[in-house]
Amino acid sequence: MTAADDGAGGDLSDGLTARLNYLFEHIRPEGEVRRYSGRELVTAVNTANIELSESYLSQLRRGMTGNPTLRVLKGIADFFEVPVGFLLDDPEGVRAVEARVNLQEAMRDTQVQDIAYRTAALNPCQRVALDELLTDLIQKRRQKMETRGDGI
């Protein structure tokens, strides 16, 4: 699933508001389930000597104001550890953030974690073989679903 069709995060082509809310929705503090608060972002940005108020952030998140300075965008991007291009709708930046979010969300699944841990114990040749097996399995599943008309 891409952010473009994720109802919770909205369509990332809808502008800065959608991309900013996507970050709050999907980027979590390391090892935690909770979301970042606006206050945490504002505090961190202000600590970096970039002026940002909670009310201005709220206006940005609601689409009531726009056109923040590049310095503010850089502070927000640094806080979430994403490329500033994501906030500027750079396709490469958007793809990088979507890939990171997809990986983080997959790694919250204990079954995925178990598979990753067991894979780490394999030697490089065995990992290549497992990768080929998984790629083949996924391709066959997609073909089967497309043949049935289920979509992917």
N, C-alpha and C. Protein backbone atom coordinates (compact mmCIF):
# COMPACT_ATOMS: atom_id res chain seq x y z
N MET A 1 0.86 -1.17 0.00
CA MET A 1 0.00 0.00 0.00
C MET A 1 0.89 1.22 0.00
N THR A 2 0.56 2.17 -0.85
CA THR A 2 1.32 3.40 -0.88
C THR A 2 0.58 4.46 -0.10
N ALA A 3 1.29 5.49 0.24
CA ALA A 3 0.66 6.59 0.97
C ALA A 3 -0.45 7.22 0.16
N ALA A 4 -0.32 7.15 -1.16
CA ALA A 4 -1.31 7.78 -2.01
C ALA A 4 -2.69 7.15 -1.85
N ASP A 5 -2.74 5.87 -1.45
CA ASP A 5 -4.05 5.25 -1.26
C ASP A 5 -4.31 4.87 0.19
N ASP A 6 -3.57 5.45 1.09
CA ASP A 6 -3.73 5.19 2.52
C ASP A 6 -4.67 6.24 3.10
N GLY A 7 -5.86 5.82 3.44
CA GLY A 7 -6.85 6.75 3.95
C GLY A 7 -6.39 7.52 5.17
N ALA A 8 -5.62 6.89 6.05
CA ALA A 8 -5.18 7.55 7.27
C ALA A 8 -4.21 8.67 6.98
N GLY A 9 -3.35 8.49 6.00
CA GLY A 9 -2.34 9.49 5.71
C GLY A 9 -2.74 10.44 4.61
N GLY A 10 -3.77 10.10 3.86
CA GLY A 10 -4.21 10.95 2.77
C GLY A 10 -3.35 10.77 1.55
N ASP A 11 -3.73 11.47 0.48
CA ASP A 11 -3.00 11.44 -0.77
C ASP A 11 -1.83 12.41 -0.67
N LEU A 12 -0.63 11.90 -0.78
CA LEU A 12 0.55 12.74 -0.59
C LEU A 12 0.71 13.80 -1.67
N SER A 13 -0.02 13.67 -2.77
CA SER A 13 0.05 14.70 -3.80
C SER A 13 -0.85 15.89 -3.44
N ASP A 14 -1.56 15.80 -2.32
CA ASP A 14 -2.46 16.88 -1.89
C ASP A 14 -1.74 18.03 -1.20
N GLY A 15 -0.43 18.03 -1.20
CA GLY A 15 0.31 19.17 -0.69
C GLY A 15 0.96 18.94 0.66
N LEU A 16 1.52 20.03 1.16
CA LEU A 16 2.28 20.00 2.40
C LEU A 16 1.45 19.49 3.57
N THR A 17 0.20 19.90 3.67
CA THR A 17 -0.64 19.47 4.79
C THR A 17 -0.73 17.95 4.84
N ALA A 18 -0.98 17.31 3.71
CA ALA A 18 -1.09 15.85 3.66
C ALA A 18 0.23 15.19 4.03
N ARG A 19 1.34 15.73 3.52
CA ARG A 19 2.64 15.12 3.81
C ARG A 19 3.04 15.31 5.28
N LEU A 20 2.73 16.47 5.84
CA LEU A 20 3.03 16.72 7.25
C LEU A 20 2.21 15.80 8.15
N ASN A 21 0.93 15.66 7.85
CA ASN A 21 0.07 14.77 8.64
C ASN A 21 0.48 13.31 8.47
N TYR A 22 0.96 12.94 7.29
CA TYR A 22 1.46 11.59 7.05
C TYR A 22 2.63 11.29 7.99
N LEU A 23 3.54 12.26 8.16
CA LEU A 23 4.67 12.06 9.06
C LEU A 23 4.19 11.83 10.49
N PHE A 24 3.26 12.66 10.94
CA PHE A 24 2.74 12.49 12.30
C PHE A 24 2.02 11.15 12.45
N GLU A 25 1.35 10.71 11.41
CA GLU A 25 0.60 9.45 11.46
C GLU A 25 1.52 8.23 11.48
N HIS A 26 2.61 8.29 10.71
CA HIS A 26 3.39 7.07 10.46
C HIS A 26 4.78 7.01 11.08
N ILE A 27 5.40 8.13 11.33
CA ILE A 27 6.75 8.10 11.92
C ILE A 27 6.60 8.14 13.44
N ARG A 28 7.14 7.12 14.09
CA ARG A 28 7.00 6.99 15.54
C ARG A 28 8.34 7.14 16.23
N PRO A 29 8.31 7.54 17.50
CA PRO A 29 9.56 7.55 18.27
C PRO A 29 10.16 6.14 18.28
N GLU A 30 11.46 6.06 18.22
CA GLU A 30 12.16 4.77 18.15
C GLU A 30 11.69 3.82 19.25
N GLY A 31 11.25 2.63 18.85
CA GLY A 31 10.85 1.60 19.79
C GLY A 31 9.52 1.85 20.49
N GLU A 32 8.75 2.83 20.04
CA GLU A 32 7.48 3.16 20.70
C GLU A 32 6.32 3.02 19.72
N VAL A 33 5.13 2.87 20.26
CA VAL A 33 3.93 2.74 19.45
C VAL A 33 3.24 4.09 19.29
N ARG A 34 3.43 4.96 20.26
CA ARG A 34 2.74 6.26 20.26
C ARG A 34 3.25 7.15 19.13
N ARG A 35 2.45 8.13 18.80
CA ARG A 35 2.82 9.12 17.79
C ARG A 35 3.52 10.30 18.45
N TYR A 36 4.30 11.01 17.66
CA TYR A 36 4.89 12.26 18.14
C TYR A 36 3.79 13.29 18.34
N SER A 37 4.01 14.18 19.27
CA SER A 37 3.08 15.29 19.48
C SER A 37 3.62 16.53 18.77
N GLY A 38 2.72 17.45 18.50
CA GLY A 38 3.14 18.72 17.92
C GLY A 38 4.10 19.45 18.83
N ARG A 39 3.85 19.36 20.12
CA ARG A 39 4.73 20.03 21.09
C ARG A 39 6.15 19.49 21.00
N GLU A 40 6.31 18.16 20.84
CA GLU A 40 7.65 17.58 20.72
C GLU A 40 8.37 18.14 19.49
N LEU A 41 7.65 18.22 18.38
CA LEU A 41 8.24 18.77 17.16
C LEU A 41 8.65 20.22 17.36
N VAL A 42 7.75 21.02 17.88
CA VAL A 42 8.03 22.45 18.08
C VAL A 42 9.23 22.63 19.01
N THR A 43 9.29 21.90 20.09
CA THR A 43 10.40 22.00 21.04
C THR A 43 11.73 21.67 20.35
N ALA A 44 11.74 20.59 19.58
CA ALA A 44 12.98 20.19 18.91
C ALA A 44 13.41 21.22 17.86
N VAL A 45 12.46 21.72 17.10
CA VAL A 45 12.78 22.71 16.07
C VAL A 45 13.28 24.00 16.72
N ASN A 46 12.63 24.43 17.78
CA ASN A 46 13.07 25.64 18.48
C ASN A 46 14.45 25.45 19.10
N THR A 47 14.74 24.26 19.60
CA THR A 47 16.06 23.95 20.17
C THR A 47 17.15 24.10 19.11
N ALA A 48 16.77 23.85 17.84
CA ALA A 48 17.72 23.99 16.73
C ALA A 48 17.78 25.45 16.24
N ASN A 49 17.25 26.38 17.05
CA ASN A 49 17.25 27.81 16.73
C ASN A 49 16.45 28.14 15.47
N ILE A 50 15.35 27.41 15.28
CA ILE A 50 14.42 27.69 14.19
C ILE A 50 13.09 28.02 14.85
N GLU A 51 12.55 29.17 14.51
CA GLU A 51 11.31 29.62 15.16
C GLU A 51 10.11 28.90 14.57
N LEU A 52 9.36 28.22 15.45
CA LEU A 52 8.13 27.53 15.07
C LEU A 52 7.24 27.49 16.30
N SER A 53 6.01 27.91 16.16
CA SER A 53 5.07 27.88 17.29
C SER A 53 4.09 26.74 17.11
N GLU A 54 3.49 26.32 18.21
CA GLU A 54 2.48 25.27 18.13
C GLU A 54 1.28 25.71 17.30
N SER A 55 0.90 26.98 17.41
CA SER A 55 -0.25 27.46 16.65
C SER A 55 0.05 27.47 15.15
N TYR A 56 1.27 27.86 14.76
CA TYR A 56 1.63 27.86 13.35
C TYR A 56 1.68 26.43 12.81
N LEU A 57 2.24 25.52 13.59
CA LEU A 57 2.26 24.11 13.20
C LEU A 57 0.83 23.59 13.02
N SER A 58 -0.04 23.93 13.94
CA SER A 58 -1.43 23.50 13.84
C SER A 58 -2.08 24.04 12.57
N GLN A 59 -1.78 25.29 12.24
CA GLN A 59 -2.32 25.87 11.01
C GLN A 59 -1.78 25.15 9.77
N LEU A 60 -0.51 24.80 9.79
CA LEU A 60 0.07 24.05 8.68
C LEU A 60 -0.61 22.69 8.53
N ARG A 61 -0.84 22.02 9.65
CA ARG A 61 -1.45 20.69 9.63
C ARG A 61 -2.91 20.72 9.19
N ARG A 62 -3.57 21.86 9.38
CA ARG A 62 -4.97 21.98 8.96
C ARG A 62 -5.12 22.66 7.61
N GLY A 63 -4.01 23.05 6.99
CA GLY A 63 -4.05 23.69 5.69
C GLY A 63 -4.53 25.12 5.72
N MET A 64 -4.46 25.74 6.89
CA MET A 64 -4.95 27.11 7.04
C MET A 64 -3.89 28.15 6.72
N THR A 65 -2.67 27.72 6.56
CA THR A 65 -1.59 28.60 6.15
C THR A 65 -0.62 27.77 5.34
N GLY A 66 0.17 28.40 4.59
CA GLY A 66 1.12 27.68 3.77
C GLY A 66 2.39 28.47 3.62
N ASN A 67 3.26 27.96 2.78
CA ASN A 67 4.48 28.68 2.44
C ASN A 67 5.42 28.89 3.61
N PRO A 68 5.69 27.87 4.42
CA PRO A 68 6.69 28.04 5.48
C PRO A 68 8.07 28.21 4.85
N THR A 69 8.97 28.77 5.59
CA THR A 69 10.32 28.96 5.07
C THR A 69 11.01 27.61 4.90
N LEU A 70 12.01 27.59 4.03
CA LEU A 70 12.78 26.38 3.83
C LEU A 70 13.45 25.96 5.14
N ARG A 71 13.83 26.93 5.95
CA ARG A 71 14.45 26.66 7.25
C ARG A 71 13.49 25.90 8.16
N VAL A 72 12.22 26.29 8.19
CA VAL A 72 11.22 25.59 9.00
C VAL A 72 11.01 24.18 8.45
N LEU A 73 10.90 24.06 7.13
CA LEU A 73 10.73 22.74 6.53
C LEU A 73 11.91 21.83 6.84
N LYS A 74 13.11 22.40 6.79
CA LYS A 74 14.31 21.61 7.12
C LYS A 74 14.27 21.16 8.57
N GLY A 75 13.83 22.03 9.47
CA GLY A 75 13.71 21.66 10.89
C GLY A 75 12.72 20.53 11.10
N ILE A 76 11.59 20.59 10.41
CA ILE A 76 10.59 19.52 10.50
C ILE A 76 11.14 18.22 9.94
N ALA A 77 11.78 18.31 8.77
CA ALA A 77 12.36 17.12 8.15
C ALA A 77 13.43 16.50 9.04
N ASP A 78 14.27 17.33 9.63
CA ASP A 78 15.32 16.81 10.52
C ASP A 78 14.71 16.11 11.73
N PHE A 79 13.64 16.67 12.27
CA PHE A 79 12.99 16.05 13.43
C PHE A 79 12.50 14.65 13.09
N PHE A 80 11.85 14.50 11.94
CA PHE A 80 11.31 13.20 11.55
C PHE A 80 12.35 12.31 10.85
N GLU A 81 13.55 12.86 10.66
CA GLU A 81 14.64 12.15 9.99
C GLU A 81 14.23 11.69 8.60
N VAL A 82 13.68 12.63 7.84
CA VAL A 82 13.30 12.38 6.45
C VAL A 82 13.96 13.45 5.58
N PRO A 83 14.11 13.18 4.29
CA PRO A 83 14.67 14.21 3.41
C PRO A 83 13.70 15.38 3.29
N VAL A 84 14.21 16.59 3.26
CA VAL A 84 13.35 17.77 3.13
C VAL A 84 12.56 17.71 1.82
N GLY A 85 13.09 17.00 0.84
CA GLY A 85 12.38 16.83 -0.43
C GLY A 85 11.02 16.20 -0.27
N PHE A 86 10.84 15.38 0.76
CA PHE A 86 9.53 14.78 1.02
C PHE A 86 8.49 15.88 1.23
N LEU A 87 8.84 16.89 2.01
CA LEU A 87 7.90 17.97 2.30
C LEU A 87 7.70 18.89 1.09
N LEU A 88 8.66 18.86 0.17
CA LEU A 88 8.58 19.69 -1.03
C LEU A 88 8.00 18.92 -2.22
N ASP A 89 7.51 17.71 -1.98
CA ASP A 89 6.89 16.85 -2.98
C ASP A 89 7.87 16.37 -4.04
N ASP A 90 9.13 16.19 -3.65
CA ASP A 90 10.11 15.60 -4.55
C ASP A 90 9.81 14.10 -4.63
N PRO A 91 9.59 13.55 -5.85
CA PRO A 91 9.22 12.14 -5.97
C PRO A 91 10.21 11.19 -5.30
N GLU A 92 11.50 11.48 -5.39
CA GLU A 92 12.50 10.63 -4.76
C GLU A 92 12.37 10.67 -3.24
N GLY A 93 12.14 11.85 -2.69
CA GLY A 93 11.94 12.00 -1.25
C GLY A 93 10.69 11.27 -0.77
N VAL A 94 9.62 11.37 -1.55
CA VAL A 94 8.36 10.68 -1.21
C VAL A 94 8.58 9.18 -1.22
N ARG A 95 9.24 8.66 -2.27
CA ARG A 95 9.49 7.20 -2.35
C ARG A 95 10.34 6.73 -1.16
N ALA A 96 11.35 7.50 -0.80
CA ALA A 96 12.23 7.11 0.31
C ALA A 96 11.45 7.03 1.62
N VAL A 97 10.59 8.00 1.87
CA VAL A 97 9.82 8.00 3.12
C VAL A 97 8.79 6.86 3.10
N GLU A 98 8.12 6.65 1.98
CA GLU A 98 7.16 5.55 1.90
C GLU A 98 7.83 4.20 2.14
N ALA A 99 9.03 4.02 1.57
CA ALA A 99 9.76 2.76 1.77
C ALA A 99 10.12 2.58 3.24
N ARG A 100 10.57 3.64 3.88
CA ARG A 100 10.93 3.58 5.31
C ARG A 100 9.71 3.24 6.16
N VAL A 101 8.60 3.91 5.88
CA VAL A 101 7.37 3.67 6.65
C VAL A 101 6.88 2.24 6.44
N ASN A 102 6.91 1.76 5.19
CA ASN A 102 6.46 0.39 4.92
C ASN A 102 7.32 -0.62 5.67
N LEU A 103 8.63 -0.40 5.70
CA LEU A 103 9.51 -1.31 6.43
C LEU A 103 9.24 -1.25 7.93
N GLN A 104 9.11 -0.06 8.49
CA GLN A 104 8.85 0.07 9.92
C GLN A 104 7.53 -0.59 10.30
N GLU A 105 6.51 -0.40 9.47
CA GLU A 105 5.22 -1.00 9.78
C GLU A 105 5.28 -2.53 9.67
N ALA A 106 6.03 -3.03 8.69
CA ALA A 106 6.18 -4.48 8.55
C ALA A 106 6.92 -5.06 9.76
N MET A 107 7.92 -4.32 10.25
CA MET A 107 8.73 -4.84 11.36
C MET A 107 7.99 -4.80 12.69
N ARG A 108 6.83 -4.17 12.74
CA ARG A 108 6.03 -4.22 13.97
C ARG A 108 5.32 -5.57 14.11
N ASP A 109 5.23 -6.31 13.02
CA ASP A 109 4.60 -7.63 13.01
C ASP A 109 5.59 -8.65 13.58
N THR A 110 5.21 -9.33 14.64
CA THR A 110 6.13 -10.26 15.30
C THR A 110 6.52 -11.42 14.38
N GLN A 111 5.63 -11.83 13.50
CA GLN A 111 5.97 -12.91 12.57
C GLN A 111 7.06 -12.43 11.58
N VAL A 112 6.97 -11.20 11.13
CA VAL A 112 7.99 -10.65 10.24
C VAL A 112 9.31 -10.53 11.00
N GLN A 113 9.26 -10.10 12.25
CA GLN A 113 10.48 -10.01 13.06
C GLN A 113 11.13 -11.38 13.21
N ASP A 114 10.33 -12.40 13.46
CA ASP A 114 10.85 -13.76 13.63
C ASP A 114 11.55 -14.22 12.35
N ILE A 115 10.93 -13.97 11.21
CA ILE A 115 11.54 -14.37 9.94
C ILE A 115 12.85 -13.61 9.73
N ALA A 116 12.86 -12.32 10.04
CA ALA A 116 14.08 -11.52 9.88
C ALA A 116 15.21 -12.04 10.78
N TYR A 117 14.88 -12.34 12.04
CA TYR A 117 15.90 -12.86 12.96
C TYR A 117 16.47 -14.18 12.48
N ARG A 118 15.60 -15.06 12.01
CA ARG A 118 16.08 -16.36 11.53
C ARG A 118 16.89 -16.21 10.25
N THR A 119 16.52 -15.26 9.41
CA THR A 119 17.26 -15.02 8.17
C THR A 119 18.67 -14.52 8.47
N ALA A 120 18.81 -13.75 9.51
CA ALA A 120 20.13 -13.21 9.87
C ALA A 120 21.12 -14.32 10.19
N ALA A 121 20.64 -15.47 10.61
CA ALA A 121 21.52 -16.59 10.96
C ALA A 121 22.01 -17.35 9.72
N LEU A 122 21.43 -17.07 8.56
CA LEU A 122 21.84 -17.77 7.34
C LEU A 122 23.13 -17.16 6.78
N ASN A 123 23.86 -17.99 6.03
CA ASN A 123 25.05 -17.45 5.36
C ASN A 123 24.59 -16.70 4.11
N PRO A 124 25.46 -15.90 3.50
CA PRO A 124 25.06 -15.08 2.35
C PRO A 124 24.43 -15.89 1.20
N CYS A 125 24.97 -17.04 0.90
CA CYS A 125 24.40 -17.86 -0.19
C CYS A 125 22.99 -18.32 0.15
N GLN A 126 22.78 -18.69 1.39
CA GLN A 126 21.44 -19.12 1.81
C GLN A 126 20.45 -17.96 1.76
N ARG A 127 20.92 -16.76 2.11
CA ARG A 127 20.03 -15.58 2.05
C ARG A 127 19.63 -15.28 0.61
N VAL A 128 20.57 -15.43 -0.32
CA VAL A 128 20.26 -15.21 -1.74
C VAL A 128 19.21 -16.22 -2.18
N ALA A 129 19.38 -17.47 -1.79
CA ALA A 129 18.41 -18.51 -2.16
C ALA A 129 17.04 -18.22 -1.56
N LEU A 130 17.01 -17.78 -0.31
CA LEU A 130 15.75 -17.43 0.33
C LEU A 130 15.09 -16.25 -0.37
N ASP A 131 15.88 -15.25 -0.73
CA ASP A 131 15.36 -14.09 -1.45
C ASP A 131 14.73 -14.51 -2.77
N GLU A 132 15.41 -15.39 -3.50
CA GLU A 132 14.86 -15.88 -4.78
C GLU A 132 13.57 -16.65 -4.56
N LEU A 133 13.52 -17.46 -3.51
CA LEU A 133 12.32 -18.23 -3.19
C LEU A 133 11.15 -17.29 -2.86
N LEU A 134 11.42 -16.29 -2.04
CA LEU A 134 10.37 -15.33 -1.67
C LEU A 134 9.89 -14.54 -2.88
N THR A 135 10.83 -14.11 -3.73
CA THR A 135 10.46 -13.37 -4.93
C THR A 135 9.56 -14.22 -5.82
N ASP A 136 9.93 -15.48 -6.00
CA ASP A 136 9.12 -16.40 -6.80
C ASP A 136 7.74 -16.60 -6.19
N LEU A 137 7.69 -16.78 -4.88
CA LEU A 137 6.42 -16.98 -4.18
C LEU A 137 5.51 -15.76 -4.34
N ILE A 138 6.06 -14.57 -4.19
CA ILE A 138 5.27 -13.34 -4.32
C ILE A 138 4.78 -13.17 -5.75
N GLN A 139 5.64 -13.45 -6.74
CA GLN A 139 5.22 -13.32 -8.14
C GLN A 139 4.09 -14.30 -8.47
N LYS A 140 4.20 -15.53 -7.99
CA LYS A 140 3.14 -16.51 -8.25
C LYS A 140 1.83 -16.09 -7.59
N ARG A 141 1.92 -15.53 -6.40
CA ARG A 141 0.71 -15.06 -5.70
C ARG A 141 0.05 -13.93 -6.47
N ARG A 142 0.87 -12.99 -6.96
CA ARG A 142 0.32 -11.87 -7.74
C ARG A 142 -0.35 -12.37 -9.02
N GLN A 143 0.32 -13.30 -9.71
CA GLN A 143 -0.25 -13.85 -10.94
C GLN A 143 -1.58 -14.55 -10.67
N LYS A 144 -1.64 -15.29 -9.60
CA LYS A 144 -2.86 -16.00 -9.24
C LYS A 144 -3.99 -15.01 -8.94
N MET A 145 -3.66 -13.95 -8.19
CA MET A 145 -4.66 -12.95 -7.83
C MET A 145 -5.13 -12.18 -9.06
N GLU A 146 -4.20 -11.87 -9.97
CA GLU A 146 -4.56 -11.16 -11.19
C GLU A 146 -5.44 -12.02 -12.07
N THR A 147 -5.14 -13.32 -12.14
CA THR A 147 -5.94 -14.25 -12.94
C THR A 147 -7.36 -14.33 -12.39
N ARG A 148 -7.50 -14.32 -11.08
CA ARG A 148 -8.83 -14.39 -10.45
C ARG A 148 -9.53 -13.05 -10.47
N GLY A 149 -8.75 -11.97 -10.72
CA GLY A 149 -9.34 -10.63 -10.73
C GLY A 149 -9.48 -10.03 -9.35
N ASP A 150 -8.71 -10.55 -8.36
CA ASP A 150 -8.78 -10.05 -6.99
C ASP A 150 -7.97 -8.79 -6.79
N GLY A 151 -7.11 -8.44 -7.73
CA GLY A 151 -6.19 -7.32 -7.49
C GLY A 151 -5.03 -7.82 -6.67
N ILE A 152 -4.19 -6.92 -6.23
CA ILE A 152 -3.02 -7.31 -5.45
C ILE A 152 -3.17 -6.89 -4.03
